[in-house]
Amino acid sequence: MLRHGLSTYDFSRIANIAFVRAAGDILHEQGKPLSFSRVSAITGLHRHVVSDIVNSPDASSADPSTNKDYRRNRLSRVLSGWFESPRYTDDEGRPLVLRIDGPEPSFASMVRAFSGDIYPRIILDELIEVGAVRILKDGNVRAVTRRYTTGGAEPAAIQQLGNTTRDVLSTLEHNLGTPPDRRLYDDAVVSVQLDRAALPLFRRLLRQRGAAFLEDIDGWVSEHERPDAPDSVRAGVMVQMFVDVEPEKNEEPSGPRSV
């Protein structure tokens, strides 16, 4: 999440929305009326938070009544100030080239204005690391991009990641409390000591056989699709390869990373 510029505020907001929606599903399953108080009791969220989420025009967006700068992590706030504040943009709205230290407008004064008590050099080093700013030959600083991210993924790609994760976790959660004869198919082949030199071959094997398998499934699904049927459902299958950590060449192997 940090690699793609998602702040703790953003994550908290998304999690709250997910819990409110899940509480609504549970109350519906139980045949109970949906109310702010019931949802609050189930989720532990304050009634005002639940009301805000339910009544929001777009529950996937952040609370419009909250100052937008508060929602961003500090690095993003610095970049946003650089691109949006009249103090740090020229007459055409472009970010100024700034000296690192000194009175306003400087990079140091901008960090103090938009990031609080973090040392300007820490902010600068991080923004240089992710390619958001560049040091010029004269020692001044130029903004390269207004978005802080080390991943560079487009919003649509991040949404696809979420959709795929939802499908995987929904299957695992369904199988937790379901009798064996009603569980969704879930199986895996895992090696904890696979020869690293075999990974390229493993990739090719899965691309070939996985693609052939999915083509067969796609044909079968096409024959049984009923778009106009009132009881149609969304269903499918995924084939994915995983590797805990795949170090660059000449690097020492390491253990799995924490989420």
C-alpha atoms as a PDB file:
ATOM      1  CA  MET A   1       0.000   0.000   0.000  1.00  0.00           C
ATOM      2  CA  LEU A   2       2.802   2.391   0.864  1.00  0.00           C
ATOM      3  CA  ARG A   3       4.534   1.591  -2.419  1.00  0.00           C
ATOM      4  CA  HIS A   4       1.441   2.791  -4.264  1.00  0.00           C
ATOM      5  CA  GLY A   5       0.805   5.911  -2.217  1.00  0.00           C
ATOM      6  CA  LEU A   6      -2.041   4.707   0.032  1.00  0.00           C
ATOM      7  CA  SER A   7      -2.012   6.494   3.392  1.00  0.00           C
ATOM      8  CA  THR A   8      -3.228   5.146   6.724  1.00  0.00           C
ATOM      9  CA  TYR A   9      -6.239   7.446   6.508  1.00  0.00           C
ATOM     10  CA  ASP A  10      -7.166   6.030   3.084  1.00  0.00           C
ATOM     11  CA  PHE A  11      -6.818   2.464   4.352  1.00  0.00           C
ATOM     12  CA  SER A  12      -8.894   3.170   7.462  1.00  0.00           C
ATOM     13  CA  ARG A  13     -11.648   4.738   5.361  1.00  0.00           C
ATOM     14  CA  ILE A  14     -11.702   1.781   2.949  1.00  0.00           C
ATOM     15  CA  ALA A  15     -11.760  -0.703   5.846  1.00  0.00           C
ATOM     16  CA  ASN A  16     -14.666   1.127   7.503  1.00  0.00           C
ATOM     17  CA  ILE A  17     -16.653   1.028   4.262  1.00  0.00           C
ATOM     18  CA  ALA A  18     -15.978  -2.701   3.890  1.00  0.00           C
ATOM     19  CA  PHE A  19     -17.100  -3.441   7.453  1.00  0.00           C
ATOM     20  CA  VAL A  20     -20.299  -1.412   7.057  1.00  0.00           C
ATOM     21  CA  ARG A  21     -21.162  -3.241   3.836  1.00  0.00           C
ATOM     22  CA  ALA A  22     -20.377  -6.623   5.419  1.00  0.00           C
ATOM     23  CA  ALA A  23     -22.581  -5.767   8.420  1.00  0.00           C
ATOM     24  CA  GLY A  24     -25.419  -4.939   6.048  1.00  0.00           C
ATOM     25  CA  ASP A  25     -25.011  -8.323   4.344  1.00  0.00           C
ATOM     26  CA  ILE A  26     -25.036 -10.144   7.688  1.00  0.00           C
ATOM     27  CA  LEU A  27     -28.161  -8.333   8.900  1.00  0.00           C
ATOM     28  CA  HIS A  28     -29.880  -9.154   5.605  1.00  0.00           C
ATOM     29  CA  GLU A  29     -28.945 -12.835   5.987  1.00  0.00           C
ATOM     30  CA  GLN A  30     -30.378 -12.804   9.503  1.00  0.00           C
ATOM     31  CA  GLY A  31     -33.591 -11.156   8.344  1.00  0.00           C
ATOM     32  CA  LYS A  32     -33.034  -8.151  10.608  1.00  0.00           C
ATOM     33  CA  PRO A  33     -33.748  -4.556   9.594  1.00  0.00           C
ATOM     34  CA  LEU A  34     -30.786  -2.437   8.654  1.00  0.00           C
ATOM     35  CA  SER A  35     -30.168   0.495  10.986  1.00  0.00           C
ATOM     36  CA  PHE A  36     -27.225   2.667  11.920  1.00  0.00           C
ATOM     37  CA  SER A  37     -27.391   1.420  15.510  1.00  0.00           C
ATOM     38  CA  ARG A  38     -27.310  -2.259  14.505  1.00  0.00           C
ATOM     39  CA  VAL A  39     -24.407  -1.718  12.116  1.00  0.00           C
ATOM     40  CA  SER A  40     -22.593   0.284  14.788  1.00  0.00           C
ATOM     41  CA  ALA A  41     -23.090  -2.517  17.317  1.00  0.00           C
ATOM     42  CA  ILE A  42     -21.749  -5.168  14.934  1.00  0.00           C
ATOM     43  CA  THR A  43     -18.751  -3.236  13.604  1.00  0.00           C
ATOM     44  CA  GLY A  44     -17.768  -1.169  16.640  1.00  0.00           C
ATOM     45  CA  LEU A  45     -17.874   1.987  14.516  1.00  0.00           C
ATOM     46  CA  HIS A  46     -19.552   5.117  15.849  1.00  0.00           C
ATOM     47  CA  ARG A  47     -23.059   5.753  14.514  1.00  0.00           C
ATOM     48  CA  HIS A  48     -21.887   9.007  12.916  1.00  0.00           C
ATOM     49  CA  VAL A  49     -19.216   7.126  10.964  1.00  0.00           C
ATOM     50  CA  VAL A  50     -21.763   4.557   9.796  1.00  0.00           C
ATOM     51  CA  SER A  51     -24.211   7.311   8.814  1.00  0.00           C
ATOM     52  CA  ASP A  52     -21.516   9.149   6.879  1.00  0.00           C
ATOM     53  CA  ILE A  53     -20.592   6.002   4.922  1.00  0.00           C
ATOM     54  CA  VAL A  54     -24.191   4.966   4.169  1.00  0.00           C
ATOM     55  CA  ASN A  55     -25.208   8.469   3.079  1.00  0.00           C
ATOM     56  CA  SER A  56     -22.056   9.228   1.094  1.00  0.00           C
ATOM     57  CA  PRO A  57     -22.748   9.729  -2.654  1.00  0.00           C
ATOM     58  CA  ASP A  58     -19.694   7.622  -3.377  1.00  0.00           C
ATOM     59  CA  ALA A  59     -18.785   5.404  -0.441  1.00  0.00           C
ATOM     60  CA  SER A  60     -15.510   4.459  -2.086  1.00  0.00           C
ATOM     61  CA  SER A  61     -14.296   8.050  -1.874  1.00  0.00           C
ATOM     62  CA  ALA A  62     -13.042   9.823   1.198  1.00  0.00           C
ATOM     63  CA  ASP A  63     -15.180  12.010   3.428  1.00  0.00           C
ATOM     64  CA  PRO A  64     -15.683  15.312   1.544  1.00  0.00           C
ATOM     65  CA  SER A  65     -16.126  17.238   4.802  1.00  0.00           C
ATOM     66  CA  THR A  66     -12.550  16.442   5.851  1.00  0.00           C
ATOM     67  CA  ASN A  67      -9.718  18.652   4.652  1.00  0.00           C
ATOM     68  CA  LYS A  68      -8.112  16.793   1.757  1.00  0.00           C
ATOM     69  CA  ASP A  69      -4.573  17.534   2.933  1.00  0.00           C
ATOM     70  CA  TYR A  70      -5.205  15.635   6.185  1.00  0.00           C
ATOM     71  CA  ARG A  71      -5.958  12.457   4.273  1.00  0.00           C
ATOM     72  CA  ARG A  72      -2.686  12.281   2.443  1.00  0.00           C
ATOM     73  CA  ASN A  73       0.515  10.914   3.831  1.00  0.00           C
ATOM     74  CA  ARG A  74       3.075  13.622   4.436  1.00  0.00           C
ATOM     75  CA  LEU A  75       5.049  12.994   1.285  1.00  0.00           C
ATOM     76  CA  SER A  76       1.933  13.320  -0.836  1.00  0.00           C
ATOM     77  CA  ARG A  77       0.961  16.488   1.015  1.00  0.00           C
ATOM     78  CA  VAL A  78       4.315  18.082   0.216  1.00  0.00           C
ATOM     79  CA  LEU A  79       3.956  17.264  -3.486  1.00  0.00           C
ATOM     80  CA  SER A  80       0.359  18.476  -3.551  1.00  0.00           C
ATOM     81  CA  GLY A  81       1.374  21.766  -1.943  1.00  0.00           C
ATOM     82  CA  TRP A  82       4.149  22.148  -4.498  1.00  0.00           C
ATOM     83  CA  PHE A  83       1.722  21.721  -7.383  1.00  0.00           C
ATOM     84  CA  GLU A  84      -1.314  23.492  -5.903  1.00  0.00           C
ATOM     85  CA  SER A  85      -0.212  26.285  -3.554  1.00  0.00           C
ATOM     86  CA  PRO A  86       0.156  29.773  -5.091  1.00  0.00           C
ATOM     87  CA  ARG A  87       3.232  30.230  -2.893  1.00  0.00           C
ATOM     88  CA  TYR A  88       5.052  27.430  -4.698  1.00  0.00           C
ATOM     89  CA  THR A  89       3.732  27.699  -8.262  1.00  0.00           C
ATOM     90  CA  ASP A  90       4.402  30.234 -11.033  1.00  0.00           C
ATOM     91  CA  ASP A  91       1.882  32.404 -12.872  1.00  0.00           C
ATOM     92  CA  GLU A  92       0.948  29.460 -15.115  1.00  0.00           C
ATOM     93  CA  GLY A  93       0.367  27.091 -12.175  1.00  0.00           C
ATOM     94  CA  ARG A  94       3.579  25.118 -12.626  1.00  0.00           C
ATOM     95  CA  PRO A  95       5.659  24.118  -9.566  1.00  0.00           C
ATOM     96  CA  LEU A  96       8.556  26.448  -8.902  1.00  0.00           C
ATOM     97  CA  VAL A  97      12.159  25.296  -8.963  1.00  0.00           C
ATOM     98  CA  LEU A  98      13.169  25.681  -5.301  1.00  0.00           C
ATOM     99  CA  ARG A  99      16.409  26.127  -3.419  1.00  0.00           C
ATOM    100  CA  ILE A 100      16.721  23.491  -0.709  1.00  0.00           C
ATOM    101  CA  ASP A 101      17.156  25.806   2.292  1.00  0.00           C
ATOM    102  CA  GLY A 102      16.361  29.387   3.106  1.00  0.00           C
ATOM    103  CA  PRO A 103      13.260  31.555   3.501  1.00  0.00           C
ATOM    104  CA  GLU A 104      10.024  31.001   1.617  1.00  0.00           C
ATOM    105  CA  PRO A 105       9.759  29.869  -1.087  1.00  0.00           C
ATOM    106  CA  SER A 106      12.245  27.069  -0.491  1.00  0.00           C
ATOM    107  CA  PHE A 107      11.957  23.308  -0.203  1.00  0.00           C
ATOM    108  CA  ALA A 108      12.559  23.513   3.540  1.00  0.00           C
ATOM    109  CA  SER A 109       9.806  26.112   4.060  1.00  0.00           C
ATOM    110  CA  MET A 110       7.432  24.042   1.938  1.00  0.00           C
ATOM    111  CA  VAL A 111       8.075  20.928   4.015  1.00  0.00           C
ATOM    112  CA  ARG A 112       7.431  22.871   7.205  1.00  0.00           C
ATOM    113  CA  ALA A 113       4.187  24.215   5.743  1.00  0.00           C
ATOM    114  CA  PHE A 114       2.777  20.932   4.441  1.00  0.00           C
ATOM    115  CA  SER A 115       4.495  18.166   6.418  1.00  0.00           C
ATOM    116  CA  GLY A 116       4.864  19.449   9.953  1.00  0.00           C
ATOM    117  CA  ASP A 117       7.837  18.485  12.077  1.00  0.00           C
ATOM    118  CA  ILE A 118       9.650  16.018   9.796  1.00  0.00           C
ATOM    119  CA  TYR A 119      13.159  17.086   8.777  1.00  0.00           C
ATOM    120  CA  PRO A 120      13.125  18.457   5.189  1.00  0.00           C
ATOM    121  CA  ARG A 121      16.135  16.319   4.240  1.00  0.00           C
ATOM    122  CA  ILE A 122      14.238  13.121   5.097  1.00  0.00           C
ATOM    123  CA  ILE A 123      11.357  14.176   2.859  1.00  0.00           C
ATOM    124  CA  LEU A 124      13.761  15.193   0.084  1.00  0.00           C
ATOM    125  CA  ASP A 125      15.698  11.922   0.182  1.00  0.00           C
ATOM    126  CA  GLU A 126      12.501   9.882  -0.043  1.00  0.00           C
ATOM    127  CA  LEU A 127      11.094  11.931  -2.927  1.00  0.00           C
ATOM    128  CA  ILE A 128      14.386  11.593  -4.801  1.00  0.00           C
ATOM    129  CA  GLU A 129      14.369   7.840  -4.156  1.00  0.00           C
ATOM    130  CA  VAL A 130      10.974   7.384  -5.820  1.00  0.00           C
ATOM    131  CA  GLY A 131      11.746   9.764  -8.689  1.00  0.00           C
ATOM    132  CA  ALA A 132       9.231  12.427  -7.673  1.00  0.00           C
ATOM    133  CA  VAL A 133      11.846  15.221  -7.564  1.00  0.00           C
ATOM    134  CA  ARG A 134      15.254  15.852  -9.085  1.00  0.00           C
ATOM    135  CA  ILE A 135      18.315  17.815  -7.917  1.00  0.00           C
ATOM    136  CA  LEU A 136      19.537  20.180 -10.643  1.00  0.00           C
ATOM    137  CA  LYS A 137      23.166  21.032 -11.400  1.00  0.00           C
ATOM    138  CA  ASP A 138      22.857  24.332  -9.541  1.00  0.00           C
ATOM    139  CA  GLY A 139      21.684  22.510  -6.409  1.00  0.00           C
ATOM    140  CA  ASN A 140      18.053  23.549  -6.671  1.00  0.00           C
ATOM    141  CA  VAL A 141      15.159  21.097  -6.630  1.00  0.00           C
ATOM    142  CA  ARG A 142      12.624  20.474  -9.401  1.00  0.00           C
ATOM    143  CA  ALA A 143       9.335  18.562  -9.038  1.00  0.00           C
ATOM    144  CA  VAL A 144       8.971  15.730 -11.557  1.00  0.00           C
ATOM    145  CA  THR A 145       5.586  14.264 -10.619  1.00  0.00           C
ATOM    146  CA  ARG A 146       2.824  15.234  -8.224  1.00  0.00           C
ATOM    147  CA  ARG A 147       2.045  11.662  -7.159  1.00  0.00           C
ATOM    148  CA  TYR A 148       4.097   9.865  -4.527  1.00  0.00           C
ATOM    149  CA  THR A 149       4.361   6.190  -5.391  1.00  0.00           C
ATOM    150  CA  THR A 150       7.185   3.685  -5.738  1.00  0.00           C
ATOM    151  CA  GLY A 151       5.040   1.203  -7.627  1.00  0.00           C
ATOM    152  CA  GLY A 152       3.773   3.283 -10.508  1.00  0.00           C
ATOM    153  CA  ALA A 153       0.596   1.224 -10.841  1.00  0.00           C
ATOM    154  CA  GLU A 154      -2.440   2.797 -12.452  1.00  0.00           C
ATOM    155  CA  PRO A 155      -5.679   2.988 -10.410  1.00  0.00           C
ATOM    156  CA  ALA A 156      -7.281   0.376 -12.673  1.00  0.00           C
ATOM    157  CA  ALA A 157      -4.435  -2.057 -11.946  1.00  0.00           C
ATOM    158  CA  ILE A 158      -4.818  -1.519  -8.202  1.00  0.00           C
ATOM    159  CA  GLN A 159      -8.568  -2.095  -8.507  1.00  0.00           C
ATOM    160  CA  GLN A 160      -7.894  -5.340 -10.386  1.00  0.00           C
ATOM    161  CA  LEU A 161      -5.568  -6.408  -7.572  1.00  0.00           C
ATOM    162  CA  GLY A 162      -8.406  -5.821  -5.117  1.00  0.00           C
ATOM    163  CA  ASN A 163     -10.908  -7.738  -7.239  1.00  0.00           C
ATOM    164  CA  THR A 164      -8.577 -10.727  -7.555  1.00  0.00           C
ATOM    165  CA  THR A 165      -7.840 -10.714  -3.828  1.00  0.00           C
ATOM    166  CA  ARG A 166     -11.558 -10.574  -3.070  1.00  0.00           C
ATOM    167  CA  ASP A 167     -12.219 -13.670  -5.182  1.00  0.00           C
ATOM    168  CA  VAL A 168      -9.418 -15.667  -3.540  1.00  0.00           C
ATOM    169  CA  LEU A 169     -10.376 -14.719   0.017  1.00  0.00           C
ATOM    170  CA  SER A 170     -14.094 -15.252  -0.644  1.00  0.00           C
ATOM    171  CA  THR A 171     -13.388 -18.857  -1.626  1.00  0.00           C
ATOM    172  CA  LEU A 172     -11.196 -19.481   1.430  1.00  0.00           C
ATOM    173  CA  GLU A 173     -13.715 -17.854   3.789  1.00  0.00           C
ATOM    174  CA  HIS A 174     -16.612 -19.785   2.238  1.00  0.00           C
ATOM    175  CA  ASN A 175     -14.793 -23.088   2.766  1.00  0.00           C
ATOM    176  CA  LEU A 176     -14.031 -22.377   6.430  1.00  0.00           C
ATOM    177  CA  GLY A 177     -17.575 -23.006   7.627  1.00  0.00           C
ATOM    178  CA  THR A 178     -19.012 -25.130   4.826  1.00  0.00           C
ATOM    179  CA  PRO A 179     -19.475 -28.921   4.762  1.00  0.00           C
ATOM    180  CA  PRO A 180     -16.941 -30.711   2.521  1.00  0.00           C
ATOM    181  CA  ASP A 181     -19.511 -31.585  -0.139  1.00  0.00           C
ATOM    182  CA  ARG A 182     -20.413 -27.901  -0.632  1.00  0.00           C
ATOM    183  CA  ARG A 183     -16.938 -26.377  -0.579  1.00  0.00           C
ATOM    184  CA  LEU A 184     -15.550 -24.614  -3.619  1.00  0.00           C
ATOM    185  CA  TYR A 185     -12.569 -26.286  -5.245  1.00  0.00           C
ATOM    186  CA  ASP A 186      -9.315 -25.170  -3.644  1.00  0.00           C
ATOM    187  CA  ASP A 187      -6.030 -26.998  -4.076  1.00  0.00           C
ATOM    188  CA  ALA A 188      -2.368 -26.145  -4.503  1.00  0.00           C
ATOM    189  CA  VAL A 189       1.053 -27.591  -5.271  1.00  0.00           C
ATOM    190  CA  VAL A 190       3.755 -26.044  -3.082  1.00  0.00           C
ATOM    191  CA  SER A 191       7.488 -26.661  -2.774  1.00  0.00           C
ATOM    192  CA  VAL A 192       9.565 -25.041  -0.045  1.00  0.00           C
ATOM    193  CA  GLN A 193      12.821 -26.178  -1.649  1.00  0.00           C
ATOM    194  CA  LEU A 194      12.330 -25.558  -5.356  1.00  0.00           C
ATOM    195  CA  ASP A 195      15.536 -25.118  -7.328  1.00  0.00           C
ATOM    196  CA  ARG A 196      15.721 -21.401  -8.126  1.00  0.00           C
ATOM    197  CA  ALA A 197      17.249 -22.198 -11.523  1.00  0.00           C
ATOM    198  CA  ALA A 198      13.999 -23.999 -12.400  1.00  0.00           C
ATOM    199  CA  LEU A 199      11.815 -20.879 -12.019  1.00  0.00           C
ATOM    200  CA  PRO A 200      12.022 -19.792 -15.709  1.00  0.00           C
ATOM    201  CA  LEU A 201      10.971 -23.298 -16.785  1.00  0.00           C
ATOM    202  CA  PHE A 202       8.202 -23.266 -14.169  1.00  0.00           C
ATOM    203  CA  ARG A 203       6.894 -19.994 -15.634  1.00  0.00           C
ATOM    204  CA  ARG A 204       6.868 -21.394 -19.171  1.00  0.00           C
ATOM    205  CA  LEU A 205       5.173 -24.582 -17.990  1.00  0.00           C
ATOM    206  CA  LEU A 206       2.363 -22.661 -16.331  1.00  0.00           C
ATOM    207  CA  ARG A 207       1.942 -20.274 -19.248  1.00  0.00           C
ATOM    208  CA  GLN A 208       1.509 -23.197 -21.626  1.00  0.00           C
ATOM    209  CA  ARG A 209      -0.511 -25.670 -19.572  1.00  0.00           C
ATOM    210  CA  GLY A 210      -2.329 -23.019 -17.568  1.00  0.00           C
ATOM    211  CA  ALA A 211      -3.416 -21.250 -20.753  1.00  0.00           C
ATOM    212  CA  ALA A 212      -4.587 -24.541 -22.286  1.00  0.00           C
ATOM    213  CA  PHE A 213      -6.568 -25.412 -19.156  1.00  0.00           C
ATOM    214  CA  LEU A 214      -8.210 -21.994 -19.002  1.00  0.00           C
ATOM    215  CA  GLU A 215      -9.113 -22.163 -22.701  1.00  0.00           C
ATOM    216  CA  ASP A 216     -10.988 -25.411 -22.030  1.00  0.00           C
ATOM    217  CA  ILE A 217     -12.762 -23.864 -19.053  1.00  0.00           C
ATOM    218  CA  ASP A 218     -13.599 -20.752 -21.063  1.00  0.00           C
ATOM    219  CA  GLY A 219     -15.269 -22.900 -23.712  1.00  0.00           C
ATOM    220  CA  TRP A 220     -17.309 -24.762 -21.112  1.00  0.00           C
ATOM    221  CA  VAL A 221     -18.330 -21.527 -19.383  1.00  0.00           C
ATOM    222  CA  SER A 222     -19.419 -19.994 -22.680  1.00  0.00           C
ATOM    223  CA  GLU A 223     -21.732 -22.937 -23.306  1.00  0.00           C
ATOM    224  CA  HIS A 224     -23.398 -22.529 -19.913  1.00  0.00           C
ATOM    225  CA  GLU A 225     -23.684 -18.746 -19.679  1.00  0.00           C
ATOM    226  CA  ARG A 226     -27.235 -17.464 -19.301  1.00  0.00           C
ATOM    227  CA  PRO A 227     -26.990 -13.647 -19.130  1.00  0.00           C
ATOM    228  CA  ASP A 228     -30.763 -13.190 -18.955  1.00  0.00           C
ATOM    229  CA  ALA A 229     -31.437 -15.894 -16.376  1.00  0.00           C
ATOM    230  CA  PRO A 230     -32.774 -14.458 -13.089  1.00  0.00           C
ATOM    231  CA  ASP A 231     -30.698 -16.876 -11.011  1.00  0.00           C
ATOM    232  CA  SER A 232     -27.374 -16.450 -12.850  1.00  0.00           C
ATOM    233  CA  VAL A 233     -24.254 -16.024 -10.683  1.00  0.00           C
ATOM    234  CA  ARG A 234     -20.692 -14.823 -11.126  1.00  0.00           C
ATOM    235  CA  ALA A 235     -18.265 -17.763 -11.027  1.00  0.00           C
ATOM    236  CA  GLY A 236     -14.827 -18.585 -12.371  1.00  0.00           C
ATOM    237  CA  VAL A 237     -11.403 -20.080 -11.794  1.00  0.00           C
ATOM    238  CA  MET A 238      -7.889 -18.631 -11.502  1.00  0.00           C
ATOM    239  CA  VAL A 239      -4.458 -20.153 -12.069  1.00  0.00           C
ATOM    240  CA  GLN A 240      -1.621 -18.246 -10.434  1.00  0.00           C
ATOM    241  CA  MET A 241       2.041 -18.902  -9.786  1.00  0.00           C
ATOM    242  CA  PHE A 242       3.572 -17.552  -6.583  1.00  0.00           C
ATOM    243  CA  VAL A 243       7.119 -17.138  -5.305  1.00  0.00           C
ATOM    244  CA  ASP A 244       7.743 -15.929  -1.748  1.00  0.00           C
ATOM    245  CA  VAL A 245      10.765 -13.849  -2.674  1.00  0.00           C
ATOM    246  CA  GLU A 246      12.692 -13.791  -5.919  1.00  0.00           C
ATOM    247  CA  PRO A 247      15.940 -11.877  -5.222  1.00  0.00           C
ATOM    248  CA  GLU A 248      17.878 -10.197  -7.977  1.00  0.00           C
ATOM    249  CA  LYS A 249      20.816 -12.123  -9.362  1.00  0.00           C
ATOM    250  CA  ASN A 250      23.858 -12.226  -7.084  1.00  0.00           C
ATOM    251  CA  GLU A 251      21.751 -11.386  -4.025  1.00  0.00           C
ATOM    252  CA  GLU A 252      21.541 -13.682  -1.051  1.00  0.00           C
ATOM    253  CA  PRO A 253      18.199 -15.513  -0.802  1.00  0.00           C
ATOM    254  CA  SER A 254      15.955 -14.289   2.003  1.00  0.00           C
ATOM    255  CA  GLY A 255      12.776 -15.414   3.692  1.00  0.00           C
ATOM    256  CA  PRO A 256       9.217 -14.375   2.880  1.00  0.00           C
ATOM    257  CA  ARG A 257       8.349 -10.726   3.331  1.00  0.00           C
ATOM    258  CA  SER A 258       5.723  -9.607   5.795  1.00  0.00           C
ATOM    259  CA  VAL A 259       2.491  -8.177   4.402  1.00  0.00           C
END
